[in-house]
Amino acid sequence: MSDEREPRTSWTFLTQHARVLLTISRDAEVRLRDLAVVCGVTERAVQAIVTDLENGGYLAHTRCGRRNHYRVVDGTHFRHPAEARHEIAGLLALFAALDSGAGSTAVPAAPSGDRHDEHP
């Protein structure tokens, strides 16, 4: 019997909530149907996630005719206590930078105070 384990492929680093928020941050007028396709979930799941994000204060929307225009709320922080001192804007900025720097392998420097390689 081998000690090697099969790779687990059923999990990802980002939650569906993060994926929906990132997609909305890229396109404030994205339709729920298109969000569902991009995120790989049902439209009903996207509706529930958008409601969670709005109720949590991360997202707001205004109605423009038959479409919604979404806005990521500034100054919101991660929910989990381990990351609660960090604003979600950093995550959104990271992915915006990755999207605009296609092909780039440079890793952006961590903001002051967030460096894991510094020792007191």
PDB file of N, CA and C in Angstrom:
ATOM      1  N   MET A   1       0.830  -1.168   0.000  1.00  0.00           N
ATOM      2  CA  MET A   1       0.000   0.000   0.000  1.00  0.00           C
ATOM      3  C   MET A   1       0.888   1.250   0.000  1.00  0.00           C
ATOM      4  N   SER A   2       0.565   2.204  -0.808  1.00  0.00           N
ATOM      5  CA  SER A   2       1.336   3.432  -0.955  1.00  0.00           C
ATOM      6  C   SER A   2       0.856   4.501   0.019  1.00  0.00           C
ATOM      7  N   ASP A   3       1.810   5.337   0.489  1.00  0.00           N
ATOM      8  CA  ASP A   3       1.458   6.455   1.373  1.00  0.00           C
ATOM      9  C   ASP A   3       0.987   7.670   0.585  1.00  0.00           C
ATOM     10  N   GLU A   4       1.125   7.608  -0.738  1.00  0.00           N
ATOM     11  CA  GLU A   4       0.707   8.739  -1.565  1.00  0.00           C
ATOM     12  C   GLU A   4      -0.805   8.824  -1.584  1.00  0.00           C
ATOM     13  N   ARG A   5      -1.287  10.031  -1.503  1.00  0.00           N
ATOM     14  CA  ARG A   5      -2.733  10.263  -1.531  1.00  0.00           C
ATOM     15  C   ARG A   5      -3.112  10.902  -2.848  1.00  0.00           C
ATOM     16  N   GLU A   6      -4.304  10.604  -3.272  1.00  0.00           N
ATOM     17  CA  GLU A   6      -4.837  11.249  -4.466  1.00  0.00           C
ATOM     18  C   GLU A   6      -5.059  12.726  -4.176  1.00  0.00           C
ATOM     19  N   PRO A   7      -4.769  13.606  -5.135  1.00  0.00           N
ATOM     20  CA  PRO A   7      -5.014  15.027  -4.892  1.00  0.00           C
ATOM     21  C   PRO A   7      -6.510  15.295  -4.753  1.00  0.00           C
ATOM     22  N   ARG A   8      -6.834  16.167  -3.815  1.00  0.00           N
ATOM     23  CA  ARG A   8      -8.233  16.562  -3.637  1.00  0.00           C
ATOM     24  C   ARG A   8      -8.517  17.699  -4.590  1.00  0.00           C
ATOM     25  N   THR A   9      -9.478  17.524  -5.449  1.00  0.00           N
ATOM     26  CA  THR A   9      -9.777  18.552  -6.444  1.00  0.00           C
ATOM     27  C   THR A   9     -11.108  19.236  -6.192  1.00  0.00           C
ATOM     28  N   SER A  10     -11.768  18.913  -5.096  1.00  0.00           N
ATOM     29  CA  SER A  10     -13.097  19.464  -4.859  1.00  0.00           C
ATOM     30  C   SER A  10     -13.076  20.783  -4.092  1.00  0.00           C
ATOM     31  N   TRP A  11     -11.914  21.311  -3.775  1.00  0.00           N
ATOM     32  CA  TRP A  11     -11.877  22.570  -3.040  1.00  0.00           C
ATOM     33  C   TRP A  11     -11.030  23.586  -3.776  1.00  0.00           C
ATOM     34  N   THR A  12     -11.266  24.860  -3.469  1.00  0.00           N
ATOM     35  CA  THR A  12     -10.478  25.955  -4.035  1.00  0.00           C
ATOM     36  C   THR A  12     -10.136  26.928  -2.905  1.00  0.00           C
ATOM     37  N   PHE A  13      -9.200  27.799  -3.150  1.00  0.00           N
ATOM     38  CA  PHE A  13      -8.804  28.769  -2.132  1.00  0.00           C
ATOM     39  C   PHE A  13      -9.842  29.860  -1.926  1.00  0.00           C
ATOM     40  N   LEU A  14     -10.546  30.231  -2.966  1.00  0.00           N
ATOM     41  CA  LEU A  14     -11.537  31.293  -2.844  1.00  0.00           C
ATOM     42  C   LEU A  14     -12.931  30.693  -2.693  1.00  0.00           C
ATOM     43  N   THR A  15     -13.726  31.296  -1.839  1.00  0.00           N
ATOM     44  CA  THR A  15     -15.114  30.874  -1.684  1.00  0.00           C
ATOM     45  C   THR A  15     -15.943  31.409  -2.845  1.00  0.00           C
ATOM     46  N   GLN A  16     -17.144  30.903  -2.967  1.00  0.00           N
ATOM     47  CA  GLN A  16     -18.047  31.434  -3.997  1.00  0.00           C
ATOM     48  C   GLN A  16     -18.377  32.895  -3.708  1.00  0.00           C
ATOM     49  N   HIS A  17     -18.468  33.259  -2.437  1.00  0.00           N
ATOM     50  CA  HIS A  17     -18.727  34.662  -2.083  1.00  0.00           C
ATOM     51  C   HIS A  17     -17.597  35.557  -2.600  1.00  0.00           C
ATOM     52  N   ALA A  18     -16.362  35.126  -2.412  1.00  0.00           N
ATOM     53  CA  ALA A  18     -15.224  35.916  -2.901  1.00  0.00           C
ATOM     54  C   ALA A  18     -15.255  36.002  -4.420  1.00  0.00           C
ATOM     55  N   ARG A  19     -15.563  34.905  -5.076  1.00  0.00           N
ATOM     56  CA  ARG A  19     -15.614  34.888  -6.530  1.00  0.00           C
ATOM     57  C   ARG A  19     -16.683  35.832  -7.071  1.00  0.00           C
ATOM     58  N   VAL A  20     -17.859  35.819  -6.446  1.00  0.00           N
ATOM     59  CA  VAL A  20     -18.931  36.724  -6.871  1.00  0.00           C
ATOM     60  C   VAL A  20     -18.508  38.169  -6.660  1.00  0.00           C
ATOM     61  N   LEU A  21     -17.940  38.478  -5.502  1.00  0.00           N
ATOM     62  CA  LEU A  21     -17.514  39.846  -5.220  1.00  0.00           C
ATOM     63  C   LEU A  21     -16.423  40.302  -6.191  1.00  0.00           C
ATOM     64  N   LEU A  22     -15.465  39.443  -6.486  1.00  0.00           N
ATOM     65  CA  LEU A  22     -14.413  39.787  -7.446  1.00  0.00           C
ATOM     66  C   LEU A  22     -14.993  40.050  -8.831  1.00  0.00           C
ATOM     67  N   THR A  23     -15.924  39.221  -9.241  1.00  0.00           N
ATOM     68  CA  THR A  23     -16.526  39.393 -10.571  1.00  0.00           C
ATOM     69  C   THR A  23     -17.314  40.688 -10.641  1.00  0.00           C
ATOM     70  N   ILE A  24     -18.047  40.998  -9.591  1.00  0.00           N
ATOM     71  CA  ILE A  24     -18.794  42.266  -9.558  1.00  0.00           C
ATOM     72  C   ILE A  24     -17.842  43.447  -9.534  1.00  0.00           C
ATOM     73  N   SER A  25     -16.710  43.318  -8.838  1.00  0.00           N
ATOM     74  CA  SER A  25     -15.752  44.432  -8.788  1.00  0.00           C
ATOM     75  C   SER A  25     -15.165  44.705 -10.178  1.00  0.00           C
ATOM     76  N   ARG A  26     -15.134  43.702 -11.029  1.00  0.00           N
ATOM     77  CA  ARG A  26     -14.631  43.868 -12.402  1.00  0.00           C
ATOM     78  C   ARG A  26     -15.677  44.463 -13.332  1.00  0.00           C
ATOM     79  N   ASP A  27     -16.968  44.172 -13.055  1.00  0.00           N
ATOM     80  CA  ASP A  27     -18.057  44.637 -13.920  1.00  0.00           C
ATOM     81  C   ASP A  27     -19.268  44.942 -13.056  1.00  0.00           C
ATOM     82  N   ALA A  28     -19.469  46.209 -12.733  1.00  0.00           N
ATOM     83  CA  ALA A  28     -20.528  46.622 -11.815  1.00  0.00           C
ATOM     84  C   ALA A  28     -21.930  46.390 -12.376  1.00  0.00           C
ATOM     85  N   GLU A  29     -22.044  46.127 -13.659  1.00  0.00           N
ATOM     86  CA  GLU A  29     -23.359  45.920 -14.266  1.00  0.00           C
ATOM     87  C   GLU A  29     -23.561  44.488 -14.744  1.00  0.00           C
ATOM     88  N   VAL A  30     -22.771  43.561 -14.216  1.00  0.00           N
ATOM     89  CA  VAL A  30     -22.875  42.164 -14.608  1.00  0.00           C
ATOM     90  C   VAL A  30     -24.251  41.623 -14.213  1.00  0.00           C
ATOM     91  N   ARG A  31     -24.819  40.795 -15.071  1.00  0.00           N
ATOM     92  CA  ARG A  31     -26.113  40.172 -14.775  1.00  0.00           C
ATOM     93  C   ARG A  31     -25.896  38.933 -13.908  1.00  0.00           C
ATOM     94  N   LEU A  32     -26.869  38.630 -13.062  1.00  0.00           N
ATOM     95  CA  LEU A  32     -26.773  37.453 -12.200  1.00  0.00           C
ATOM     96  C   LEU A  32     -26.564  36.187 -13.024  1.00  0.00           C
ATOM     97  N   ARG A  33     -27.196  36.105 -14.155  1.00  0.00           N
ATOM     98  CA  ARG A  33     -27.050  34.945 -15.047  1.00  0.00           C
ATOM     99  C   ARG A  33     -25.598  34.788 -15.483  1.00  0.00           C
ATOM    100  N   ASP A  34     -24.943  35.904 -15.809  1.00  0.00           N
ATOM    101  CA  ASP A  34     -23.542  35.856 -16.227  1.00  0.00           C
ATOM    102  C   ASP A  34     -22.617  35.553 -15.041  1.00  0.00           C
ATOM    103  N   LEU A  35     -22.958  36.092 -13.859  1.00  0.00           N
ATOM    104  CA  LEU A  35     -22.201  35.776 -12.644  1.00  0.00           C
ATOM    105  C   LEU A  35     -22.226  34.271 -12.390  1.00  0.00           C
ATOM    106  N   ALA A  36     -23.390  33.671 -12.558  1.00  0.00           N
ATOM    107  CA  ALA A  36     -23.535  32.239 -12.329  1.00  0.00           C
ATOM    108  C   ALA A  36     -22.621  31.438 -13.248  1.00  0.00           C
ATOM    109  N   VAL A  37     -22.546  31.836 -14.503  1.00  0.00           N
ATOM    110  CA  VAL A  37     -21.697  31.132 -15.471  1.00  0.00           C
ATOM    111  C   VAL A  37     -20.225  31.276 -15.088  1.00  0.00           C
ATOM    112  N   VAL A  38     -19.804  32.503 -14.804  1.00  0.00           N
ATOM    113  CA  VAL A  38     -18.406  32.760 -14.445  1.00  0.00           C
ATOM    114  C   VAL A  38     -18.011  31.999 -13.181  1.00  0.00           C
ATOM    115  N   CYS A  39     -18.893  31.983 -12.192  1.00  0.00           N
ATOM    116  CA  CYS A  39     -18.579  31.378 -10.896  1.00  0.00           C
ATOM    117  C   CYS A  39     -18.870  29.882 -10.849  1.00  0.00           C
ATOM    118  N   GLY A  40     -19.551  29.368 -11.848  1.00  0.00           N
ATOM    119  CA  GLY A  40     -19.825  27.940 -11.905  1.00  0.00           C
ATOM    120  C   GLY A  40     -20.867  27.470 -10.909  1.00  0.00           C
ATOM    121  N   VAL A  41     -21.831  28.326 -10.615  1.00  0.00           N
ATOM    122  CA  VAL A  41     -22.920  27.964  -9.711  1.00  0.00           C
ATOM    123  C   VAL A  41     -24.250  28.341 -10.375  1.00  0.00           C
ATOM    124  N   THR A  42     -25.347  27.983  -9.722  1.00  0.00           N
ATOM    125  CA  THR A  42     -26.651  28.311 -10.280  1.00  0.00           C
ATOM    126  C   THR A  42     -26.977  29.784 -10.073  1.00  0.00           C
ATOM    127  N   GLU A  43     -27.919  30.268 -10.849  1.00  0.00           N
ATOM    128  CA  GLU A  43     -28.356  31.656 -10.704  1.00  0.00           C
ATOM    129  C   GLU A  43     -28.979  31.874  -9.327  1.00  0.00           C
ATOM    130  N   ARG A  44     -29.689  30.869  -8.826  1.00  0.00           N
ATOM    131  CA  ARG A  44     -30.284  30.963  -7.491  1.00  0.00           C
ATOM    132  C   ARG A  44     -29.199  31.088  -6.419  1.00  0.00           C
ATOM    133  N   ALA A  45     -28.111  30.348  -6.570  1.00  0.00           N
ATOM    134  CA  ALA A  45     -26.998  30.444  -5.616  1.00  0.00           C
ATOM    135  C   ALA A  45     -26.382  31.837  -5.657  1.00  0.00           C
ATOM    136  N   VAL A  46     -26.236  32.398  -6.864  1.00  0.00           N
ATOM    137  CA  VAL A  46     -25.681  33.751  -6.996  1.00  0.00           C
ATOM    138  C   VAL A  46     -26.602  34.759  -6.323  1.00  0.00           C
ATOM    139  N   GLN A  47     -27.910  34.606  -6.502  1.00  0.00           N
ATOM    140  CA  GLN A  47     -28.852  35.516  -5.844  1.00  0.00           C
ATOM    141  C   GLN A  47     -28.662  35.473  -4.332  1.00  0.00           C
ATOM    142  N   ALA A  48     -28.518  34.288  -3.775  1.00  0.00           N
ATOM    143  CA  ALA A  48     -28.331  34.141  -2.326  1.00  0.00           C
ATOM    144  C   ALA A  48     -27.012  34.767  -1.885  1.00  0.00           C
ATOM    145  N   ILE A  49     -25.962  34.577  -2.674  1.00  0.00           N
ATOM    146  CA  ILE A  49     -24.645  35.138  -2.334  1.00  0.00           C
ATOM    147  C   ILE A  49     -24.681  36.661  -2.390  1.00  0.00           C
ATOM    148  N   VAL A  50     -25.297  37.223  -3.426  1.00  0.00           N
ATOM    149  CA  VAL A  50     -25.413  38.682  -3.546  1.00  0.00           C
ATOM    150  C   VAL A  50     -26.204  39.227  -2.358  1.00  0.00           C
ATOM    151  N   THR A  51     -27.259  38.540  -1.965  1.00  0.00           N
ATOM    152  CA  THR A  51     -28.037  38.960  -0.794  1.00  0.00           C
ATOM    153  C   THR A  51     -27.176  38.916   0.463  1.00  0.00           C
ATOM    154  N   ASP A  52     -26.389  37.844   0.633  1.00  0.00           N
ATOM    155  CA  ASP A  52     -25.469  37.757   1.773  1.00  0.00           C
ATOM    156  C   ASP A  52     -24.502  38.932   1.783  1.00  0.00           C
ATOM    157  N   LEU A  53     -23.922  39.235   0.626  1.00  0.00           N
ATOM    158  CA  LEU A  53     -22.939  40.306   0.531  1.00  0.00           C
ATOM    159  C   LEU A  53     -23.574  41.668   0.811  1.00  0.00           C
ATOM    160  N   GLU A  54     -24.805  41.873   0.339  1.00  0.00           N
ATOM    161  CA  GLU A  54     -25.500  43.126   0.621  1.00  0.00           C
ATOM    162  C   GLU A  54     -25.856  43.217   2.100  1.00  0.00           C
ATOM    163  N   ASN A  55     -26.390  42.144   2.671  1.00  0.00           N
ATOM    164  CA  ASN A  55     -26.752  42.146   4.094  1.00  0.00           C
ATOM    165  C   ASN A  55     -25.527  42.302   4.990  1.00  0.00           C
ATOM    166  N   GLY A  56     -24.383  41.817   4.532  1.00  0.00           N
ATOM    167  CA  GLY A  56     -23.146  41.939   5.292  1.00  0.00           C
ATOM    168  C   GLY A  56     -22.470  43.294   5.144  1.00  0.00           C
ATOM    169  N   GLY A  57     -23.010  44.143   4.267  1.00  0.00           N
ATOM    170  CA  GLY A  57     -22.457  45.481   4.083  1.00  0.00           C
ATOM    171  C   GLY A  57     -21.304  45.562   3.096  1.00  0.00           C
ATOM    172  N   TYR A  58     -21.079  44.500   2.317  1.00  0.00           N
ATOM    173  CA  TYR A  58     -19.976  44.469   1.360  1.00  0.00           C
ATOM    174  C   TYR A  58     -20.370  45.000  -0.009  1.00  0.00           C
ATOM    175  N   LEU A  59     -21.652  44.991  -0.297  1.00  0.00           N
ATOM    176  CA  LEU A  59     -22.142  45.290  -1.631  1.00  0.00           C
ATOM    177  C   LEU A  59     -23.415  46.109  -1.521  1.00  0.00           C
ATOM    178  N   ALA A  60     -23.585  47.036  -2.453  1.00  0.00           N
ATOM    179  CA  ALA A  60     -24.826  47.807  -2.553  1.00  0.00           C
ATOM    180  C   ALA A  60     -25.219  47.820  -4.025  1.00  0.00           C
ATOM    181  N   HIS A  61     -26.488  48.043  -4.284  1.00  0.00           N
ATOM    182  CA  HIS A  61     -26.905  48.137  -5.684  1.00  0.00           C
ATOM    183  C   HIS A  61     -27.965  49.215  -5.854  1.00  0.00           C
ATOM    184  N   THR A  62     -27.992  49.734  -7.063  1.00  0.00           N
ATOM    185  CA  THR A  62     -29.052  50.658  -7.462  1.00  0.00           C
ATOM    186  C   THR A  62     -29.656  50.110  -8.735  1.00  0.00           C
ATOM    187  N   ARG A  63     -30.918  50.363  -8.900  1.00  0.00           N
ATOM    188  CA  ARG A  63     -31.639  49.888 -10.078  1.00  0.00           C
ATOM    189  C   ARG A  63     -31.494  50.924 -11.180  1.00  0.00           C
ATOM    190  N   CYS A  64     -31.080  50.490 -12.368  1.00  0.00           N
ATOM    191  CA  CYS A  64     -30.951  51.363 -13.534  1.00  0.00           C
ATOM    192  C   CYS A  64     -31.774  50.742 -14.658  1.00  0.00           C
ATOM    193  N   GLY A  65     -33.040  51.157 -14.754  1.00  0.00           N
ATOM    194  CA  GLY A  65     -33.926  50.530 -15.728  1.00  0.00           C
ATOM    195  C   GLY A  65     -34.206  49.098 -15.320  1.00  0.00           C
ATOM    196  N   ARG A  66     -33.887  48.170 -16.190  1.00  0.00           N
ATOM    197  CA  ARG A  66     -34.089  46.755 -15.894  1.00  0.00           C
ATOM    198  C   ARG A  66     -32.849  46.093 -15.320  1.00  0.00           C
ATOM    199  N   ARG A  67     -31.782  46.840 -15.164  1.00  0.00           N
ATOM    200  CA  ARG A  67     -30.496  46.286 -14.698  1.00  0.00           C
ATOM    201  C   ARG A  67     -30.149  46.814 -13.317  1.00  0.00           C
ATOM    202  N   ASN A  68     -29.308  46.074 -12.637  1.00  0.00           N
ATOM    203  CA  ASN A  68     -28.749  46.520 -11.361  1.00  0.00           C
ATOM    204  C   ASN A  68     -27.332  47.027 -11.603  1.00  0.00           C
ATOM    205  N   HIS A  69     -26.976  48.057 -10.891  1.00  0.00           N
ATOM    206  CA  HIS A  69     -25.608  48.564 -10.893  1.00  0.00           C
ATOM    207  C   HIS A  69     -25.081  48.327  -9.479  1.00  0.00           C
ATOM    208  N   TYR A  70     -24.032  47.509  -9.367  1.00  0.00           N
ATOM    209  CA  TYR A  70     -23.492  47.135  -8.066  1.00  0.00           C
ATOM    210  C   TYR A  70     -22.320  48.026  -7.690  1.00  0.00           C
ATOM    211  N   ARG A  71     -22.120  48.166  -6.392  1.00  0.00           N
ATOM    212  CA  ARG A  71     -20.984  48.930  -5.877  1.00  0.00           C
ATOM    213  C   ARG A  71     -20.424  48.181  -4.681  1.00  0.00           C
ATOM    214  N   VAL A  72     -19.124  47.908  -4.721  1.00  0.00           N
ATOM    215  CA  VAL A  72     -18.453  47.309  -3.576  1.00  0.00           C
ATOM    216  C   VAL A  72     -18.255  48.423  -2.555  1.00  0.00           C
ATOM    217  N   VAL A  73     -18.690  48.185  -1.340  1.00  0.00           N
ATOM    218  CA  VAL A  73     -18.645  49.200  -0.288  1.00  0.00           C
ATOM    219  C   VAL A  73     -17.207  49.345   0.218  1.00  0.00           C
ATOM    220  N   ASP A  74     -16.724  50.577   0.220  1.00  0.00           N
ATOM    221  CA  ASP A  74     -15.371  50.874   0.693  1.00  0.00           C
ATOM    222  C   ASP A  74     -15.250  50.645   2.196  1.00  0.00           C
ATOM    223  N   GLY A  75     -14.055  50.235   2.619  1.00  0.00           N
ATOM    224  CA  GLY A  75     -13.745  50.136   4.035  1.00  0.00           C
ATOM    225  C   GLY A  75     -14.237  48.872   4.720  1.00  0.00           C
ATOM    226  N   THR A  76     -14.728  47.903   3.958  1.00  0.00           N
ATOM    227  CA  THR A  76     -15.204  46.675   4.586  1.00  0.00           C
ATOM    228  C   THR A  76     -14.035  45.721   4.832  1.00  0.00           C
ATOM    229  N   HIS A  77     -14.147  44.962   5.898  1.00  0.00           N
ATOM    230  CA  HIS A  77     -13.085  44.061   6.326  1.00  0.00           C
ATOM    231  C   HIS A  77     -13.515  42.605   6.170  1.00  0.00           C
ATOM    232  N   PHE A  78     -12.530  41.718   6.146  1.00  0.00           N
ATOM    233  CA  PHE A  78     -12.821  40.291   6.106  1.00  0.00           C
ATOM    234  C   PHE A  78     -13.617  39.903   7.349  1.00  0.00           C
ATOM    235  N   ARG A  79     -14.426  38.879   7.237  1.00  0.00           N
ATOM    236  CA  ARG A  79     -15.306  38.458   8.331  1.00  0.00           C
ATOM    237  C   ARG A  79     -14.608  37.584   9.367  1.00  0.00           C
ATOM    238  N   HIS A  80     -13.701  36.747   8.951  1.00  0.00           N
ATOM    239  CA  HIS A  80     -13.075  35.812   9.888  1.00  0.00           C
ATOM    240  C   HIS A  80     -12.101  36.559  10.793  1.00  0.00           C
ATOM    241  N   PRO A  81     -12.093  36.235  12.080  1.00  0.00           N
ATOM    242  CA  PRO A  81     -11.203  36.946  13.015  1.00  0.00           C
ATOM    243  C   PRO A  81      -9.724  36.920  12.625  1.00  0.00           C
ATOM    244  N   ALA A  82      -9.292  35.876  11.941  1.00  0.00           N
ATOM    245  CA  ALA A  82      -7.881  35.783  11.552  1.00  0.00           C
ATOM    246  C   ALA A  82      -7.495  36.857  10.530  1.00  0.00           C
ATOM    247  N   GLU A  83      -8.458  37.333   9.754  1.00  0.00           N
ATOM    248  CA  GLU A  83      -8.176  38.354   8.730  1.00  0.00           C
ATOM    249  C   GLU A  83      -8.937  39.646   8.973  1.00  0.00           C
ATOM    250  N   ALA A  84      -9.661  39.752  10.057  1.00  0.00           N
ATOM    251  CA  ALA A  84     -10.598  40.857  10.275  1.00  0.00           C
ATOM    252  C   ALA A  84      -9.956  42.240  10.270  1.00  0.00           C
ATOM    253  N   ARG A  85      -8.661  42.326  10.491  1.00  0.00           N
ATOM    254  CA  ARG A  85      -8.029  43.666  10.485  1.00  0.00           C
ATOM    255  C   ARG A  85      -7.683  44.127   9.071  1.00  0.00           C
ATOM    256  N   HIS A  86      -7.907  43.276   8.084  1.00  0.00           N
ATOM    257  CA  HIS A  86      -7.593  43.622   6.696  1.00  0.00           C
ATOM    258  C   HIS A  86      -8.851  43.963   5.910  1.00  0.00           C
ATOM    259  N   GLU A  87      -8.761  45.019   5.107  1.00  0.00           N
ATOM    260  CA  GLU A  87      -9.875  45.385   4.236  1.00  0.00           C
ATOM    261  C   GLU A  87      -9.906  44.464   3.025  1.00  0.00           C
ATOM    262  N   ILE A  88     -11.105  44.212   2.524  1.00  0.00           N
ATOM    263  CA  ILE A  88     -11.231  43.371   1.330  1.00  0.00           C
ATOM    264  C   ILE A  88     -10.701  44.074   0.091  1.00  0.00           C
ATOM    265  N   ALA A  89     -10.518  45.383   0.174  1.00  0.00           N
ATOM    266  CA  ALA A  89      -9.995  46.142  -0.965  1.00  0.00           C
ATOM    267  C   ALA A  89      -8.646  45.591  -1.418  1.00  0.00           C
ATOM    268  N   GLY A  90      -7.846  45.100  -0.494  1.00  0.00           N
ATOM    269  CA  GLY A  90      -6.546  44.533  -0.842  1.00  0.00           C
ATOM    270  C   GLY A  90      -6.685  43.295  -1.718  1.00  0.00           C
ATOM    271  N   LEU A  91      -7.645  42.440  -1.399  1.00  0.00           N
ATOM    272  CA  LEU A  91      -7.897  41.249  -2.218  1.00  0.00           C
ATOM    273  C   LEU A  91      -8.379  41.649  -3.605  1.00  0.00           C
ATOM    274  N   LEU A  92      -9.301  42.593  -3.652  1.00  0.00           N
ATOM    275  CA  LEU A  92      -9.818  43.049  -4.945  1.00  0.00           C
ATOM    276  C   LEU A  92      -8.713  43.683  -5.780  1.00  0.00           C
ATOM    277  N   ALA A  93      -7.849  44.475  -5.143  1.00  0.00           N
ATOM    278  CA  ALA A  93      -6.735  45.112  -5.843  1.00  0.00           C
ATOM    279  C   ALA A  93      -5.742  44.067  -6.353  1.00  0.00           C
ATOM    280  N   LEU A  94      -5.495  43.039  -5.553  1.00  0.00           N
ATOM    281  CA  LEU A  94      -4.586  41.981  -5.972  1.00  0.00           C
ATOM    282  C   LEU A  94      -5.074  41.330  -7.258  1.00  0.00           C
ATOM    283  N   PHE A  95      -6.337  40.983  -7.302  1.00  0.00           N
ATOM    284  CA  PHE A  95      -6.861  40.335  -8.495  1.00  0.00           C
ATOM    285  C   PHE A  95      -6.973  41.300  -9.669  1.00  0.00           C
ATOM    286  N   ALA A  96      -7.229  42.564  -9.406  1.00  0.00           N
ATOM    287  CA  ALA A  96      -7.243  43.555 -10.481  1.00  0.00           C
ATOM    288  C   ALA A  96      -5.850  43.671 -11.089  1.00  0.00           C
ATOM    289  N   ALA A  97      -4.823  43.653 -10.227  1.00  0.00           N
ATOM    290  CA  ALA A  97      -3.445  43.729 -10.705  1.00  0.00           C
ATOM    291  C   ALA A  97      -3.078  42.481 -11.489  1.00  0.00           C
ATOM    292  N   LEU A  98      -3.519  41.325 -11.018  1.00  0.00           N
ATOM    293  CA  LEU A  98      -3.241  40.083 -11.738  1.00  0.00           C
ATOM    294  C   LEU A  98      -3.919  40.077 -13.091  1.00  0.00           C
ATOM    295  N   ASP A  99      -5.148  40.595 -13.150  1.00  0.00           N
ATOM    296  CA  ASP A  99      -5.888  40.646 -14.410  1.00  0.00           C
ATOM    297  C   ASP A  99      -5.222  41.587 -15.404  1.00  0.00           C
ATOM    298  N   SER A 100      -4.718  42.726 -14.926  1.00  0.00           N
ATOM    299  CA  SER A 100      -4.124  43.705 -15.834  1.00  0.00           C
ATOM    300  C   SER A 100      -2.702  43.337 -16.222  1.00  0.00           C
ATOM    301  N   GLY A 101      -2.046  42.505 -15.431  1.00  0.00           N
ATOM    302  CA  GLY A 101      -0.669  42.126 -15.705  1.00  0.00           C
ATOM    303  C   GLY A 101      -0.567  40.714 -16.245  1.00  0.00           C
ATOM    304  N   ALA A 102      -1.437  40.360 -17.166  1.00  0.00           N
ATOM    305  CA  ALA A 102      -1.446  39.005 -17.718  1.00  0.00           C
ATOM    306  C   ALA A 102      -0.056  38.619 -18.188  1.00  0.00           C
ATOM    307  N   GLY A 103       0.392  37.468 -17.736  1.00  0.00           N
ATOM    308  CA  GLY A 103       1.707  36.987 -18.131  1.00  0.00           C
ATOM    309  C   GLY A 103       2.802  37.405 -17.180  1.00  0.00           C
ATOM    310  N   SER A 104       2.502  38.321 -16.276  1.00  0.00           N
ATOM    311  CA  SER A 104       3.500  38.775 -15.318  1.00  0.00           C
ATOM    312  C   SER A 104       3.623  37.773 -14.185  1.00  0.00           C
ATOM    313  N   THR A 105       4.848  37.519 -13.765  1.00  0.00           N
ATOM    314  CA  THR A 105       5.057  36.607 -12.647  1.00  0.00           C
ATOM    315  C   THR A 105       5.521  37.336 -11.406  1.00  0.00           C
ATOM    316  N   ALA A 106       5.568  38.662 -11.470  1.00  0.00           N
ATOM    317  CA  ALA A 106       6.015  39.434 -10.313  1.00  0.00           C
ATOM    318  C   ALA A 106       4.983  39.333  -9.200  1.00  0.00           C
ATOM    319  N   VAL A 107       5.470  39.242  -7.975  1.00  0.00           N
ATOM    320  CA  VAL A 107       4.603  39.189  -6.815  1.00  0.00           C
ATOM    321  C   VAL A 107       4.652  40.546  -6.147  1.00  0.00           C
ATOM    322  N   PRO A 108       3.492  41.207  -5.974  1.00  0.00           N
ATOM    323  CA  PRO A 108       3.505  42.532  -5.349  1.00  0.00           C
ATOM    324  C   PRO A 108       3.959  42.439  -3.901  1.00  0.00           C
ATOM    325  N   ALA A 109       4.628  43.472  -3.448  1.00  0.00           N
ATOM    326  CA  ALA A 109       5.094  43.523  -2.065  1.00  0.00           C
ATOM    327  C   ALA A 109       3.904  43.639  -1.133  1.00  0.00           C
ATOM    328  N   ALA A 110       4.013  43.036   0.022  1.00  0.00           N
ATOM    329  CA  ALA A 110       2.943  43.111   1.020  1.00  0.00           C
ATOM    330  C   ALA A 110       2.927  44.509   1.608  1.00  0.00           C
ATOM    331  N   PRO A 111       1.733  45.017   1.934  1.00  0.00           N
ATOM    332  CA  PRO A 111       1.659  46.331   2.563  1.00  0.00           C
ATOM    333  C   PRO A 111       2.395  46.328   3.898  1.00  0.00           C
ATOM    334  N   SER A 112       2.838  47.495   4.316  1.00  0.00           N
ATOM    335  CA  SER A 112       3.550  47.641   5.581  1.00  0.00           C
ATOM    336  C   SER A 112       2.759  46.998   6.709  1.00  0.00           C
ATOM    337  N   GLY A 113       3.441  46.220   7.531  1.00  0.00           N
ATOM    338  CA  GLY A 113       2.779  45.572   8.649  1.00  0.00           C
ATOM    339  C   GLY A 113       2.204  44.213   8.302  1.00  0.00           C
ATOM    340  N   ASP A 114       2.208  43.835   7.037  1.00  0.00           N
ATOM    341  CA  ASP A 114       1.657  42.554   6.620  1.00  0.00           C
ATOM    342  C   ASP A 114       2.730  41.591   6.165  1.00  0.00           C
ATOM    343  N   ARG A 115       3.976  41.922   6.394  1.00  0.00           N
ATOM    344  CA  ARG A 115       5.074  41.082   5.928  1.00  0.00           C
ATOM    345  C   ARG A 115       5.253  39.891   6.856  1.00  0.00           C
ATOM    346  N   HIS A 116       5.271  38.712   6.313  1.00  0.00           N
ATOM    347  CA  HIS A 116       5.451  37.516   7.112  1.00  0.00           C
ATOM    348  C   HIS A 116       6.916  37.157   7.270  1.00  0.00           C
ATOM    349  N   ASP A 117       7.786  37.763   6.455  1.00  0.00           N
ATOM    350  CA  ASP A 117       9.189  37.413   6.510  1.00  0.00           C
ATOM    351  C   ASP A 117      10.006  38.342   7.417  1.00  0.00           C
ATOM    352  N   GLU A 118       9.358  39.350   7.995  1.00  0.00           N
ATOM    353  CA  GLU A 118      10.052  40.266   8.887  1.00  0.00           C
ATOM    354  C   GLU A 118      10.034  39.705  10.292  1.00  0.00           C
ATOM    355  N   HIS A 119      11.137  39.854  10.983  1.00  0.00           N
ATOM    356  CA  HIS A 119      11.224  39.396  12.363  1.00  0.00           C
ATOM    357  C   HIS A 119      11.539  40.574  13.254  1.00  0.00           C
ATOM    358  N   PRO A 120      10.955  40.622  14.465  1.00  0.00           N
ATOM    359  CA  PRO A 120      11.206  41.769  15.361  1.00  0.00           C
ATOM    360  C   PRO A 120      12.621  41.852  15.812  1.00  0.00           C
TER     361      PRO A 120
END
